[in-house]
Amino acid sequence: MAARPPGGAASADDDRAAHARAERRRQILEAAKEVFAEAGYHEASINAIIERAHIARGTFYLYFDGKAAVFDALLDEAMRELRARITRIDVEDPAAPPPHLQLRDGLVRVLDYVLGDRLLATILLSGTTATEAEAANRAGAFFGEVRSVIRTALEQGIQMKLVRPCNVEVTSAALLGLVRGVVEHLVTTASPPAATEVVAEMIAVALRGVLNA
C-alpha cells in the first residue's frame, strides 16, 4: 500500500475545517440578511440574527464583531458579485458581439443578480433612507462605489468613442438614479417583467430619452 504523503491527513482536516467555517459564516450572513430586510438596520439586533441562524452568541462573535460588521460584509459581498458581472466591452475582437449587445447582456446579468436576491435589494434600497447614520453612511458608500464603476465605464466608453463626451460625474449619478429607481420598482412589484425587457427599456431611455422624436 502506498504511504500517505506527509501532512496529507492534516491537510484534508484543514480543508474540512475551512469549509465548515465558510458554511457557518454563510449561515450567519443569510440569517442577518433576513433580519435586516424584515426589521431594518435600526431595529435589527444581534439576538435576532443569532436566533435566526440557530447558533450560540459566542459562535457569532467568532465571525463578526457586531451588527455593523455583518452589514458591511453583506455590502462587500454584493459589490464583489456586481463587479464580477460587469465586463469591459470588447471592440477589438471581430468575433465579439456588437457593443450594444455586450452592454445589454452585462446589464441583464446585473439585474438578474439583484432581483434574484430580493432580500439584499431591499437592504440596499432601505439603507440609504435609514434614520440611523451608521447604516445610511455604509449604504451611501456602497452606492458611491457603484457610481464609481459607472463613471469608469463611461470614461472607457468615451475613449473608445462608444459614448459621447459628457460630464461623467453628472451622467454617472443620473444613470445610478435610473438603476435604483428601476430596482425599487421591480422589488415592490408582484410580477415584474423579465430582466431582458427591463434592460431594453433602460437602454432606450439612456440612449434616446423619452421624447417621440
N, C-alpha and C. Protein backbone atom coordinates (compact mmCIF):
# COMPACT_ATOMS: atom_id res chain seq x y z
N MET A 1 0.85 -1.19 0.00
CA MET A 1 0.00 0.00 0.00
C MET A 1 0.88 1.23 0.00
N ALA A 2 0.55 2.20 -0.81
CA ALA A 2 1.36 3.40 -0.89
C ALA A 2 1.22 4.21 0.39
N ALA A 3 2.34 4.76 0.81
CA ALA A 3 2.35 5.56 2.03
C ALA A 3 1.60 6.86 1.81
N ARG A 4 0.89 7.30 2.83
CA ARG A 4 0.18 8.57 2.72
C ARG A 4 1.19 9.71 2.74
N PRO A 5 1.08 10.67 1.84
CA PRO A 5 2.02 11.78 1.82
C PRO A 5 2.02 12.50 3.16
N PRO A 6 3.22 12.93 3.60
CA PRO A 6 3.31 13.65 4.87
C PRO A 6 2.35 14.83 4.88
N GLY A 7 1.62 14.92 5.97
CA GLY A 7 0.70 16.05 6.09
C GLY A 7 -0.59 15.88 5.33
N GLY A 8 -0.77 14.75 4.65
CA GLY A 8 -1.98 14.56 3.84
C GLY A 8 -3.23 14.59 4.68
N ALA A 9 -3.22 13.85 5.81
CA ALA A 9 -4.40 13.81 6.67
C ALA A 9 -4.68 15.17 7.27
N ALA A 10 -3.62 15.85 7.71
CA ALA A 10 -3.78 17.17 8.31
C ALA A 10 -4.34 18.15 7.30
N SER A 11 -3.86 18.04 6.05
CA SER A 11 -4.34 18.94 5.00
C SER A 11 -5.81 18.72 4.75
N ALA A 12 -6.25 17.47 4.70
CA ALA A 12 -7.66 17.15 4.49
C ALA A 12 -8.50 17.68 5.64
N ASP A 13 -8.00 17.54 6.87
CA ASP A 13 -8.72 18.05 8.04
C ASP A 13 -8.82 19.57 7.98
N ASP A 14 -7.74 20.21 7.55
CA ASP A 14 -7.75 21.67 7.42
C ASP A 14 -8.78 22.11 6.39
N ASP A 15 -8.86 21.38 5.28
CA ASP A 15 -9.83 21.72 4.24
C ASP A 15 -11.25 21.59 4.76
N ARG A 16 -11.51 20.51 5.51
CA ARG A 16 -12.85 20.32 6.05
C ARG A 16 -13.20 21.41 7.05
N ALA A 17 -12.21 21.77 7.88
CA ALA A 17 -12.44 22.82 8.87
C ALA A 17 -12.70 24.16 8.20
N ALA A 18 -11.94 24.45 7.14
CA ALA A 18 -12.12 25.71 6.42
C ALA A 18 -13.50 25.75 5.76
N HIS A 19 -13.91 24.60 5.21
CA HIS A 19 -15.24 24.53 4.58
C HIS A 19 -16.33 24.73 5.63
N ALA A 20 -16.15 24.13 6.79
CA ALA A 20 -17.14 24.27 7.86
C ALA A 20 -17.24 25.72 8.32
N ARG A 21 -16.09 26.40 8.42
CA ARG A 21 -16.10 27.81 8.83
C ARG A 21 -16.80 28.68 7.79
N ALA A 22 -16.52 28.40 6.52
CA ALA A 22 -17.15 29.17 5.45
C ALA A 22 -18.66 28.95 5.46
N GLU A 23 -19.10 27.72 5.69
CA GLU A 23 -20.53 27.43 5.74
C GLU A 23 -21.20 28.12 6.92
N ARG A 24 -20.54 28.13 8.06
CA ARG A 24 -21.11 28.78 9.23
C ARG A 24 -21.19 30.29 9.02
N ARG A 25 -20.18 30.87 8.41
CA ARG A 25 -20.21 32.31 8.11
C ARG A 25 -21.36 32.62 7.14
N ARG A 26 -21.52 31.76 6.15
CA ARG A 26 -22.62 31.93 5.20
C ARG A 26 -23.97 31.83 5.91
N GLN A 27 -24.08 30.92 6.85
CA GLN A 27 -25.30 30.74 7.62
C GLN A 27 -25.65 32.02 8.39
N ILE A 28 -24.65 32.63 8.99
CA ILE A 28 -24.87 33.87 9.75
C ILE A 28 -25.27 35.00 8.81
N LEU A 29 -24.61 35.11 7.66
CA LEU A 29 -24.92 36.17 6.72
C LEU A 29 -26.34 36.04 6.17
N GLU A 30 -26.76 34.82 5.87
CA GLU A 30 -28.11 34.62 5.36
C GLU A 30 -29.14 34.98 6.42
N ALA A 31 -28.88 34.62 7.65
CA ALA A 31 -29.80 34.98 8.73
C ALA A 31 -29.84 36.49 8.92
N ALA A 32 -28.68 37.13 8.87
CA ALA A 32 -28.63 38.58 9.03
C ALA A 32 -29.35 39.29 7.90
N LYS A 33 -29.22 38.75 6.70
CA LYS A 33 -29.90 39.35 5.54
C LYS A 33 -31.41 39.35 5.76
N GLU A 34 -31.94 38.24 6.25
CA GLU A 34 -33.38 38.16 6.51
C GLU A 34 -33.80 39.16 7.59
N VAL A 35 -33.02 39.25 8.64
CA VAL A 35 -33.36 40.15 9.76
C VAL A 35 -33.29 41.60 9.32
N PHE A 36 -32.23 41.99 8.62
CA PHE A 36 -32.10 43.37 8.15
C PHE A 36 -33.23 43.74 7.19
N ALA A 37 -33.58 42.83 6.29
CA ALA A 37 -34.63 43.12 5.31
C ALA A 37 -35.99 43.25 5.99
N GLU A 38 -36.24 42.46 7.02
CA GLU A 38 -37.54 42.48 7.68
C GLU A 38 -37.67 43.62 8.68
N ALA A 39 -36.61 43.85 9.45
CA ALA A 39 -36.70 44.80 10.56
C ALA A 39 -36.04 46.14 10.28
N GLY A 40 -35.18 46.21 9.26
CA GLY A 40 -34.41 47.43 9.05
C GLY A 40 -33.17 47.41 9.93
N TYR A 41 -32.19 48.23 9.57
CA TYR A 41 -30.93 48.20 10.30
C TYR A 41 -31.10 48.58 11.76
N HIS A 42 -31.87 49.63 12.02
CA HIS A 42 -32.00 50.15 13.38
C HIS A 42 -32.64 49.11 14.32
N GLU A 43 -33.70 48.48 13.85
CA GLU A 43 -34.42 47.52 14.70
C GLU A 43 -33.77 46.14 14.74
N ALA A 44 -32.93 45.85 13.78
CA ALA A 44 -32.26 44.54 13.76
C ALA A 44 -31.34 44.42 14.97
N SER A 45 -31.28 43.24 15.53
CA SER A 45 -30.42 43.01 16.70
C SER A 45 -29.58 41.77 16.51
N ILE A 46 -28.48 41.72 17.24
CA ILE A 46 -27.64 40.53 17.20
C ILE A 46 -28.42 39.33 17.72
N ASN A 47 -29.25 39.53 18.73
CA ASN A 47 -30.05 38.43 19.26
C ASN A 47 -30.94 37.83 18.18
N ALA A 48 -31.57 38.70 17.38
CA ALA A 48 -32.45 38.21 16.32
C ALA A 48 -31.66 37.42 15.28
N ILE A 49 -30.46 37.91 14.96
CA ILE A 49 -29.62 37.20 13.98
C ILE A 49 -29.19 35.84 14.53
N ILE A 50 -28.81 35.81 15.78
CA ILE A 50 -28.38 34.56 16.42
C ILE A 50 -29.53 33.54 16.43
N GLU A 51 -30.72 34.02 16.80
CA GLU A 51 -31.88 33.11 16.84
C GLU A 51 -32.22 32.59 15.45
N ARG A 52 -32.15 33.48 14.44
CA ARG A 52 -32.47 33.06 13.08
C ARG A 52 -31.44 32.07 12.54
N ALA A 53 -30.17 32.25 12.94
CA ALA A 53 -29.10 31.37 12.46
C ALA A 53 -28.98 30.10 13.28
N HIS A 54 -29.68 30.03 14.42
CA HIS A 54 -29.63 28.87 15.31
C HIS A 54 -28.20 28.58 15.77
N ILE A 55 -27.57 29.62 16.28
CA ILE A 55 -26.20 29.47 16.78
C ILE A 55 -26.10 30.11 18.16
N ALA A 56 -24.98 29.84 18.84
CA ALA A 56 -24.72 30.43 20.15
C ALA A 56 -24.14 31.83 19.95
N ARG A 57 -24.29 32.69 20.95
CA ARG A 57 -23.76 34.05 20.87
C ARG A 57 -22.25 34.02 20.65
N GLY A 58 -21.56 33.11 21.34
CA GLY A 58 -20.12 33.02 21.19
C GLY A 58 -19.72 32.68 19.77
N THR A 59 -20.51 31.85 19.11
CA THR A 59 -20.22 31.48 17.72
C THR A 59 -20.32 32.70 16.82
N PHE A 60 -21.32 33.52 17.05
CA PHE A 60 -21.47 34.75 16.24
C PHE A 60 -20.21 35.60 16.32
N TYR A 61 -19.71 35.79 17.54
CA TYR A 61 -18.56 36.68 17.72
C TYR A 61 -17.24 36.07 17.25
N LEU A 62 -17.25 34.81 16.91
CA LEU A 62 -16.07 34.23 16.28
C LEU A 62 -15.92 34.74 14.85
N TYR A 63 -17.02 35.21 14.27
CA TYR A 63 -17.01 35.62 12.86
C TYR A 63 -17.20 37.12 12.68
N PHE A 64 -17.95 37.76 13.56
CA PHE A 64 -18.24 39.18 13.39
C PHE A 64 -18.16 39.90 14.73
N ASP A 65 -17.72 41.17 14.67
CA ASP A 65 -17.59 41.97 15.89
C ASP A 65 -18.93 42.51 16.36
N GLY A 66 -19.87 42.63 15.44
CA GLY A 66 -21.16 43.19 15.82
C GLY A 66 -22.06 43.35 14.61
N LYS A 67 -23.15 44.07 14.81
CA LYS A 67 -24.14 44.26 13.76
C LYS A 67 -23.56 44.98 12.55
N ALA A 68 -22.78 46.01 12.80
CA ALA A 68 -22.20 46.79 11.70
C ALA A 68 -21.29 45.93 10.84
N ALA A 69 -20.54 45.02 11.47
CA ALA A 69 -19.62 44.16 10.72
C ALA A 69 -20.38 43.22 9.79
N VAL A 70 -21.53 42.70 10.24
CA VAL A 70 -22.34 41.83 9.38
C VAL A 70 -22.91 42.63 8.21
N PHE A 71 -23.39 43.83 8.50
CA PHE A 71 -23.94 44.69 7.46
C PHE A 71 -22.89 45.00 6.41
N ASP A 72 -21.68 45.33 6.87
CA ASP A 72 -20.58 45.61 5.95
C ASP A 72 -20.26 44.40 5.09
N ALA A 73 -20.28 43.22 5.69
CA ALA A 73 -19.96 42.00 4.95
C ALA A 73 -20.98 41.76 3.85
N LEU A 74 -22.25 42.04 4.12
CA LEU A 74 -23.28 41.87 3.09
C LEU A 74 -23.08 42.85 1.94
N LEU A 75 -22.73 44.10 2.26
CA LEU A 75 -22.50 45.08 1.20
C LEU A 75 -21.25 44.73 0.40
N ASP A 76 -20.19 44.28 1.08
CA ASP A 76 -18.97 43.90 0.38
C ASP A 76 -19.23 42.75 -0.58
N GLU A 77 -20.00 41.78 -0.13
CA GLU A 77 -20.32 40.63 -0.99
C GLU A 77 -21.12 41.08 -2.21
N ALA A 78 -22.08 41.97 -1.99
CA ALA A 78 -22.89 42.47 -3.10
C ALA A 78 -22.02 43.19 -4.12
N MET A 79 -21.06 43.98 -3.65
CA MET A 79 -20.18 44.71 -4.56
C MET A 79 -19.31 43.75 -5.35
N ARG A 80 -18.79 42.72 -4.71
CA ARG A 80 -17.98 41.72 -5.42
C ARG A 80 -18.79 41.03 -6.50
N GLU A 81 -20.03 40.67 -6.17
CA GLU A 81 -20.88 39.98 -7.14
C GLU A 81 -21.21 40.89 -8.32
N LEU A 82 -21.47 42.16 -8.04
CA LEU A 82 -21.77 43.10 -9.12
C LEU A 82 -20.57 43.30 -10.03
N ARG A 83 -19.40 43.47 -9.43
CA ARG A 83 -18.18 43.65 -10.23
C ARG A 83 -17.90 42.43 -11.09
N ALA A 84 -18.20 41.25 -10.59
CA ALA A 84 -17.95 40.03 -11.35
C ALA A 84 -18.84 39.94 -12.58
N ARG A 85 -19.96 40.66 -12.55
CA ARG A 85 -20.91 40.61 -13.67
C ARG A 85 -20.72 41.77 -14.65
N ILE A 86 -19.85 42.70 -14.32
CA ILE A 86 -19.61 43.84 -15.19
C ILE A 86 -18.30 43.61 -15.95
N THR A 87 -18.37 43.53 -17.25
CA THR A 87 -17.18 43.30 -18.06
C THR A 87 -16.99 44.43 -19.05
N ARG A 88 -15.74 44.68 -19.39
CA ARG A 88 -15.41 45.72 -20.35
C ARG A 88 -15.91 45.32 -21.74
N ILE A 89 -16.48 46.27 -22.46
CA ILE A 89 -16.97 46.00 -23.81
C ILE A 89 -15.78 45.80 -24.74
N ASP A 90 -15.81 44.71 -25.48
CA ASP A 90 -14.72 44.34 -26.38
C ASP A 90 -15.03 44.86 -27.79
N VAL A 91 -14.22 45.79 -28.26
CA VAL A 91 -14.41 46.33 -29.62
C VAL A 91 -13.28 45.90 -30.55
N GLU A 92 -12.36 45.09 -30.04
CA GLU A 92 -11.20 44.69 -30.83
C GLU A 92 -11.36 43.32 -31.46
N ASP A 93 -12.06 42.42 -30.79
CA ASP A 93 -12.25 41.06 -31.30
C ASP A 93 -13.36 41.07 -32.35
N PRO A 94 -13.05 40.73 -33.60
CA PRO A 94 -14.08 40.73 -34.66
C PRO A 94 -15.22 39.75 -34.36
N ALA A 95 -14.91 38.72 -33.57
CA ALA A 95 -15.93 37.72 -33.26
C ALA A 95 -16.83 38.14 -32.10
N ALA A 96 -16.49 39.23 -31.43
CA ALA A 96 -17.29 39.68 -30.29
C ALA A 96 -18.64 40.23 -30.76
N PRO A 97 -19.68 40.08 -29.95
CA PRO A 97 -20.99 40.65 -30.33
C PRO A 97 -20.89 42.18 -30.44
N PRO A 98 -21.83 42.81 -31.12
CA PRO A 98 -21.83 44.27 -31.20
C PRO A 98 -21.84 44.89 -29.80
N PRO A 99 -21.24 46.07 -29.65
CA PRO A 99 -21.14 46.70 -28.32
C PRO A 99 -22.47 46.82 -27.59
N HIS A 100 -23.55 47.19 -28.31
CA HIS A 100 -24.82 47.38 -27.62
C HIS A 100 -25.36 46.06 -27.07
N LEU A 101 -25.02 44.94 -27.73
CA LEU A 101 -25.46 43.64 -27.21
C LEU A 101 -24.62 43.24 -25.99
N GLN A 102 -23.33 43.57 -26.02
CA GLN A 102 -22.50 43.31 -24.85
C GLN A 102 -23.00 44.11 -23.65
N LEU A 103 -23.36 45.38 -23.91
CA LEU A 103 -23.89 46.22 -22.83
C LEU A 103 -25.19 45.63 -22.29
N ARG A 104 -26.06 45.22 -23.19
CA ARG A 104 -27.34 44.64 -22.77
C ARG A 104 -27.12 43.39 -21.92
N ASP A 105 -26.25 42.50 -22.37
CA ASP A 105 -26.01 41.26 -21.65
C ASP A 105 -25.43 41.52 -20.26
N GLY A 106 -24.53 42.51 -20.16
CA GLY A 106 -23.96 42.84 -18.87
C GLY A 106 -25.00 43.38 -17.91
N LEU A 107 -25.89 44.24 -18.40
CA LEU A 107 -26.94 44.79 -17.56
C LEU A 107 -27.94 43.71 -17.14
N VAL A 108 -28.22 42.78 -18.03
CA VAL A 108 -29.12 41.67 -17.68
C VAL A 108 -28.50 40.83 -16.57
N ARG A 109 -27.20 40.57 -16.64
CA ARG A 109 -26.53 39.80 -15.58
C ARG A 109 -26.65 40.51 -14.23
N VAL A 110 -26.43 41.82 -14.24
CA VAL A 110 -26.51 42.59 -13.00
C VAL A 110 -27.93 42.58 -12.45
N LEU A 111 -28.91 42.82 -13.32
CA LEU A 111 -30.29 42.89 -12.87
C LEU A 111 -30.79 41.53 -12.38
N ASP A 112 -30.39 40.48 -13.07
CA ASP A 112 -30.76 39.13 -12.64
C ASP A 112 -30.23 38.84 -11.23
N TYR A 113 -29.00 39.30 -10.96
CA TYR A 113 -28.42 39.08 -9.63
C TYR A 113 -29.20 39.84 -8.57
N VAL A 114 -29.47 41.11 -8.83
CA VAL A 114 -30.16 41.94 -7.84
C VAL A 114 -31.57 41.42 -7.58
N LEU A 115 -32.30 41.12 -8.65
CA LEU A 115 -33.67 40.66 -8.48
C LEU A 115 -33.75 39.21 -7.99
N GLY A 116 -32.65 38.48 -8.20
CA GLY A 116 -32.61 37.11 -7.71
C GLY A 116 -32.42 37.04 -6.21
N ASP A 117 -32.06 38.18 -5.60
CA ASP A 117 -31.88 38.24 -4.14
C ASP A 117 -32.64 39.46 -3.63
N ARG A 118 -33.94 39.33 -3.53
CA ARG A 118 -34.78 40.47 -3.16
C ARG A 118 -34.50 40.97 -1.74
N LEU A 119 -34.08 40.06 -0.87
CA LEU A 119 -33.75 40.50 0.48
C LEU A 119 -32.59 41.49 0.44
N LEU A 120 -31.57 41.16 -0.34
CA LEU A 120 -30.42 42.05 -0.46
C LEU A 120 -30.83 43.37 -1.10
N ALA A 121 -31.64 43.29 -2.15
CA ALA A 121 -32.09 44.52 -2.81
C ALA A 121 -32.86 45.41 -1.84
N THR A 122 -33.68 44.80 -1.00
CA THR A 122 -34.44 45.56 0.00
C THR A 122 -33.50 46.25 0.98
N ILE A 123 -32.46 45.55 1.40
CA ILE A 123 -31.49 46.13 2.34
C ILE A 123 -30.76 47.30 1.69
N LEU A 124 -30.34 47.13 0.44
CA LEU A 124 -29.61 48.20 -0.24
C LEU A 124 -30.48 49.44 -0.41
N LEU A 125 -31.72 49.25 -0.77
CA LEU A 125 -32.61 50.39 -1.01
C LEU A 125 -33.00 51.08 0.28
N SER A 126 -33.22 50.31 1.33
CA SER A 126 -33.65 50.90 2.60
C SER A 126 -32.49 51.50 3.38
N GLY A 127 -31.28 51.05 3.08
CA GLY A 127 -30.12 51.52 3.84
C GLY A 127 -29.89 53.02 3.71
N THR A 128 -30.07 53.55 2.51
CA THR A 128 -29.80 54.98 2.30
C THR A 128 -30.86 55.87 2.90
N THR A 129 -32.03 55.31 3.22
CA THR A 129 -33.08 56.11 3.85
C THR A 129 -33.21 55.80 5.33
N ALA A 130 -32.29 55.02 5.86
CA ALA A 130 -32.34 54.65 7.27
C ALA A 130 -32.15 55.89 8.14
N THR A 131 -32.85 55.90 9.28
CA THR A 131 -32.71 57.03 10.19
C THR A 131 -31.39 56.96 10.95
N GLU A 132 -30.81 55.79 11.04
CA GLU A 132 -29.55 55.63 11.75
C GLU A 132 -28.39 55.97 10.82
N ALA A 133 -27.58 56.94 11.23
CA ALA A 133 -26.50 57.44 10.38
C ALA A 133 -25.53 56.34 9.99
N GLU A 134 -25.29 55.40 10.89
CA GLU A 134 -24.33 54.33 10.63
C GLU A 134 -24.72 53.53 9.39
N ALA A 135 -25.99 53.13 9.31
CA ALA A 135 -26.46 52.36 8.16
C ALA A 135 -26.50 53.21 6.92
N ALA A 136 -26.98 54.45 7.05
CA ALA A 136 -27.07 55.34 5.89
C ALA A 136 -25.70 55.61 5.29
N ASN A 137 -24.71 55.80 6.14
CA ASN A 137 -23.35 56.07 5.64
C ASN A 137 -22.78 54.86 4.93
N ARG A 138 -23.02 53.68 5.47
CA ARG A 138 -22.50 52.47 4.84
C ARG A 138 -23.18 52.20 3.50
N ALA A 139 -24.49 52.35 3.46
CA ALA A 139 -25.21 52.15 2.20
C ALA A 139 -24.82 53.24 1.20
N GLY A 140 -24.64 54.46 1.69
CA GLY A 140 -24.21 55.54 0.82
C GLY A 140 -22.85 55.26 0.21
N ALA A 141 -21.95 54.70 1.01
CA ALA A 141 -20.62 54.35 0.50
C ALA A 141 -20.72 53.26 -0.57
N PHE A 142 -21.64 52.32 -0.36
CA PHE A 142 -21.83 51.25 -1.36
C PHE A 142 -22.27 51.85 -2.69
N PHE A 143 -23.28 52.71 -2.66
CA PHE A 143 -23.76 53.30 -3.90
C PHE A 143 -22.73 54.27 -4.49
N GLY A 144 -21.91 54.84 -3.64
CA GLY A 144 -20.81 55.67 -4.15
C GLY A 144 -19.83 54.83 -4.96
N GLU A 145 -19.59 53.61 -4.51
CA GLU A 145 -18.70 52.73 -5.26
C GLU A 145 -19.35 52.28 -6.56
N VAL A 146 -20.67 52.03 -6.52
CA VAL A 146 -21.37 51.67 -7.76
C VAL A 146 -21.29 52.83 -8.76
N ARG A 147 -21.47 54.05 -8.27
CA ARG A 147 -21.38 55.21 -9.15
C ARG A 147 -19.97 55.33 -9.73
N SER A 148 -18.96 54.98 -8.95
CA SER A 148 -17.59 54.99 -9.44
C SER A 148 -17.39 53.99 -10.57
N VAL A 149 -18.02 52.81 -10.45
CA VAL A 149 -17.95 51.80 -11.51
C VAL A 149 -18.60 52.34 -12.78
N ILE A 150 -19.76 52.99 -12.64
CA ILE A 150 -20.44 53.55 -13.80
C ILE A 150 -19.59 54.66 -14.43
N ARG A 151 -18.99 55.49 -13.60
CA ARG A 151 -18.15 56.58 -14.11
C ARG A 151 -16.97 56.03 -14.91
N THR A 152 -16.34 54.99 -14.38
CA THR A 152 -15.22 54.37 -15.10
C THR A 152 -15.67 53.80 -16.44
N ALA A 153 -16.85 53.16 -16.45
CA ALA A 153 -17.38 52.61 -17.71
C ALA A 153 -17.65 53.73 -18.72
N LEU A 154 -18.16 54.86 -18.24
CA LEU A 154 -18.40 55.99 -19.14
C LEU A 154 -17.09 56.52 -19.71
N GLU A 155 -16.09 56.64 -18.88
CA GLU A 155 -14.79 57.14 -19.33
C GLU A 155 -14.19 56.22 -20.38
N GLN A 156 -14.31 54.91 -20.14
CA GLN A 156 -13.80 53.94 -21.13
C GLN A 156 -14.61 54.03 -22.42
N GLY A 157 -15.92 54.21 -22.29
CA GLY A 157 -16.77 54.32 -23.47
C GLY A 157 -16.43 55.55 -24.30
N ILE A 158 -16.11 56.65 -23.64
CA ILE A 158 -15.72 57.87 -24.34
C ILE A 158 -14.40 57.66 -25.08
N GLN A 159 -13.46 56.99 -24.42
CA GLN A 159 -12.16 56.72 -25.04
C GLN A 159 -12.32 55.85 -26.29
N MET A 160 -13.27 54.91 -26.22
CA MET A 160 -13.49 54.01 -27.36
C MET A 160 -14.47 54.61 -28.38
N LYS A 161 -14.92 55.87 -28.11
CA LYS A 161 -15.87 56.57 -28.99
C LYS A 161 -17.21 55.85 -29.09
N LEU A 162 -17.55 55.10 -28.05
CA LEU A 162 -18.86 54.48 -27.97
C LEU A 162 -19.86 55.38 -27.23
N VAL A 163 -19.32 56.29 -26.44
CA VAL A 163 -20.14 57.20 -25.65
C VAL A 163 -19.76 58.63 -26.02
N ARG A 164 -20.76 59.49 -26.16
CA ARG A 164 -20.47 60.89 -26.50
C ARG A 164 -19.76 61.56 -25.32
N PRO A 165 -18.93 62.55 -25.57
CA PRO A 165 -18.32 63.31 -24.47
C PRO A 165 -19.40 63.91 -23.56
N CYS A 166 -19.24 63.75 -22.28
CA CYS A 166 -20.24 64.24 -21.33
C CYS A 166 -19.59 64.52 -19.99
N ASN A 167 -20.33 65.14 -19.11
CA ASN A 167 -19.89 65.32 -17.73
C ASN A 167 -20.09 63.98 -17.03
N VAL A 168 -19.02 63.22 -16.85
CA VAL A 168 -19.16 61.86 -16.35
C VAL A 168 -19.67 61.82 -14.91
N GLU A 169 -19.38 62.86 -14.13
CA GLU A 169 -19.86 62.87 -12.75
C GLU A 169 -21.38 62.98 -12.73
N VAL A 170 -21.91 63.93 -13.50
CA VAL A 170 -23.36 64.14 -13.53
C VAL A 170 -24.05 62.94 -14.19
N THR A 171 -23.48 62.46 -15.30
CA THR A 171 -24.11 61.36 -16.03
C THR A 171 -24.11 60.07 -15.22
N SER A 172 -23.02 59.79 -14.52
CA SER A 172 -22.97 58.57 -13.70
C SER A 172 -23.98 58.65 -12.57
N ALA A 173 -24.17 59.84 -11.98
CA ALA A 173 -25.17 60.00 -10.93
C ALA A 173 -26.58 59.80 -11.49
N ALA A 174 -26.81 60.33 -12.70
CA ALA A 174 -28.12 60.17 -13.33
C ALA A 174 -28.42 58.71 -13.64
N LEU A 175 -27.43 58.00 -14.17
CA LEU A 175 -27.63 56.58 -14.50
C LEU A 175 -27.83 55.74 -13.25
N LEU A 176 -27.11 56.08 -12.17
CA LEU A 176 -27.30 55.37 -10.92
C LEU A 176 -28.73 55.58 -10.41
N GLY A 177 -29.22 56.82 -10.53
CA GLY A 177 -30.59 57.08 -10.12
C GLY A 177 -31.59 56.28 -10.94
N LEU A 178 -31.33 56.14 -12.23
CA LEU A 178 -32.20 55.34 -13.09
C LEU A 178 -32.22 53.88 -12.62
N VAL A 179 -31.03 53.34 -12.36
CA VAL A 179 -30.93 51.93 -11.93
C VAL A 179 -31.64 51.72 -10.59
N ARG A 180 -31.40 52.61 -9.64
CA ARG A 180 -32.02 52.46 -8.32
C ARG A 180 -33.54 52.56 -8.42
N GLY A 181 -34.03 53.49 -9.23
CA GLY A 181 -35.47 53.62 -9.39
C GLY A 181 -36.09 52.37 -9.99
N VAL A 182 -35.42 51.81 -10.98
CA VAL A 182 -35.93 50.59 -11.62
C VAL A 182 -35.93 49.43 -10.63
N VAL A 183 -34.84 49.27 -9.90
CA VAL A 183 -34.76 48.17 -8.93
C VAL A 183 -35.83 48.31 -7.85
N GLU A 184 -36.02 49.53 -7.36
CA GLU A 184 -37.05 49.75 -6.34
C GLU A 184 -38.44 49.38 -6.87
N HIS A 185 -38.70 49.75 -8.09
CA HIS A 185 -40.00 49.41 -8.69
C HIS A 185 -40.16 47.89 -8.82
N LEU A 186 -39.12 47.23 -9.30
CA LEU A 186 -39.22 45.80 -9.54
C LEU A 186 -39.31 45.00 -8.25
N VAL A 187 -38.60 45.45 -7.22
CA VAL A 187 -38.61 44.73 -5.94
C VAL A 187 -39.99 44.81 -5.29
N THR A 188 -40.71 45.90 -5.53
CA THR A 188 -42.02 46.07 -4.92
C THR A 188 -43.16 45.65 -5.85
N THR A 189 -42.82 45.08 -6.99
CA THR A 189 -43.83 44.62 -7.95
C THR A 189 -44.02 43.11 -7.82
N ALA A 190 -45.27 42.69 -7.72
CA ALA A 190 -45.55 41.27 -7.51
C ALA A 190 -45.08 40.41 -8.67
N SER A 191 -45.32 40.86 -9.90
CA SER A 191 -44.93 40.08 -11.07
C SER A 191 -44.11 40.97 -12.01
N PRO A 192 -42.83 41.16 -11.70
CA PRO A 192 -42.01 42.04 -12.53
C PRO A 192 -41.74 41.44 -13.90
N PRO A 193 -41.53 42.27 -14.91
CA PRO A 193 -41.20 41.75 -16.24
C PRO A 193 -39.82 41.11 -16.25
N ALA A 194 -39.51 40.41 -17.32
CA ALA A 194 -38.20 39.75 -17.44
C ALA A 194 -37.10 40.79 -17.49
N ALA A 195 -35.91 40.40 -17.02
CA ALA A 195 -34.78 41.33 -16.98
C ALA A 195 -34.43 41.85 -18.37
N THR A 196 -34.56 41.00 -19.39
CA THR A 196 -34.23 41.44 -20.74
C THR A 196 -35.15 42.57 -21.20
N GLU A 197 -36.42 42.48 -20.85
CA GLU A 197 -37.38 43.53 -21.22
C GLU A 197 -37.07 44.83 -20.48
N VAL A 198 -36.75 44.71 -19.20
CA VAL A 198 -36.44 45.90 -18.39
C VAL A 198 -35.18 46.57 -18.91
N VAL A 199 -34.15 45.78 -19.18
CA VAL A 199 -32.88 46.34 -19.66
C VAL A 199 -33.06 47.03 -21.00
N ALA A 200 -33.87 46.45 -21.89
CA ALA A 200 -34.11 47.07 -23.19
C ALA A 200 -34.72 48.46 -23.02
N GLU A 201 -35.65 48.60 -22.09
CA GLU A 201 -36.27 49.91 -21.82
C GLU A 201 -35.27 50.88 -21.19
N MET A 202 -34.44 50.37 -20.28
CA MET A 202 -33.44 51.22 -19.64
C MET A 202 -32.45 51.77 -20.66
N ILE A 203 -32.02 50.91 -21.58
CA ILE A 203 -31.06 51.34 -22.61
C ILE A 203 -31.72 52.36 -23.53
N ALA A 204 -32.99 52.12 -23.86
CA ALA A 204 -33.71 53.06 -24.72
C ALA A 204 -33.81 54.43 -24.07
N VAL A 205 -34.10 54.47 -22.79
CA VAL A 205 -34.19 55.74 -22.06
C VAL A 205 -32.82 56.41 -21.99
N ALA A 206 -31.78 55.62 -21.68
CA ALA A 206 -30.44 56.19 -21.57
C ALA A 206 -29.93 56.73 -22.89
N LEU A 207 -30.27 56.05 -24.00
CA LEU A 207 -29.75 56.46 -25.30
C LEU A 207 -30.61 57.50 -25.99
N ARG A 208 -31.94 57.39 -25.85
CA ARG A 208 -32.82 58.25 -26.62
C ARG A 208 -33.76 59.12 -25.79
N GLY A 209 -33.76 58.92 -24.47
CA GLY A 209 -34.67 59.67 -23.65
C GLY A 209 -36.10 59.17 -23.82
N VAL A 210 -37.06 60.05 -23.62
CA VAL A 210 -38.46 59.64 -23.71
C VAL A 210 -39.23 60.43 -24.76
N LEU A 211 -38.58 61.35 -25.43
CA LEU A 211 -39.28 62.14 -26.44
C LEU A 211 -39.55 61.31 -27.69
N ASN A 212 -40.69 61.51 -28.29
CA ASN A 212 -41.05 60.80 -29.51
C ASN A 212 -40.51 61.58 -30.70
N ALA A 213 -39.20 61.42 -30.94
CA ALA A 213 -38.55 62.20 -32.00
C ALA A 213 -37.62 61.30 -32.79
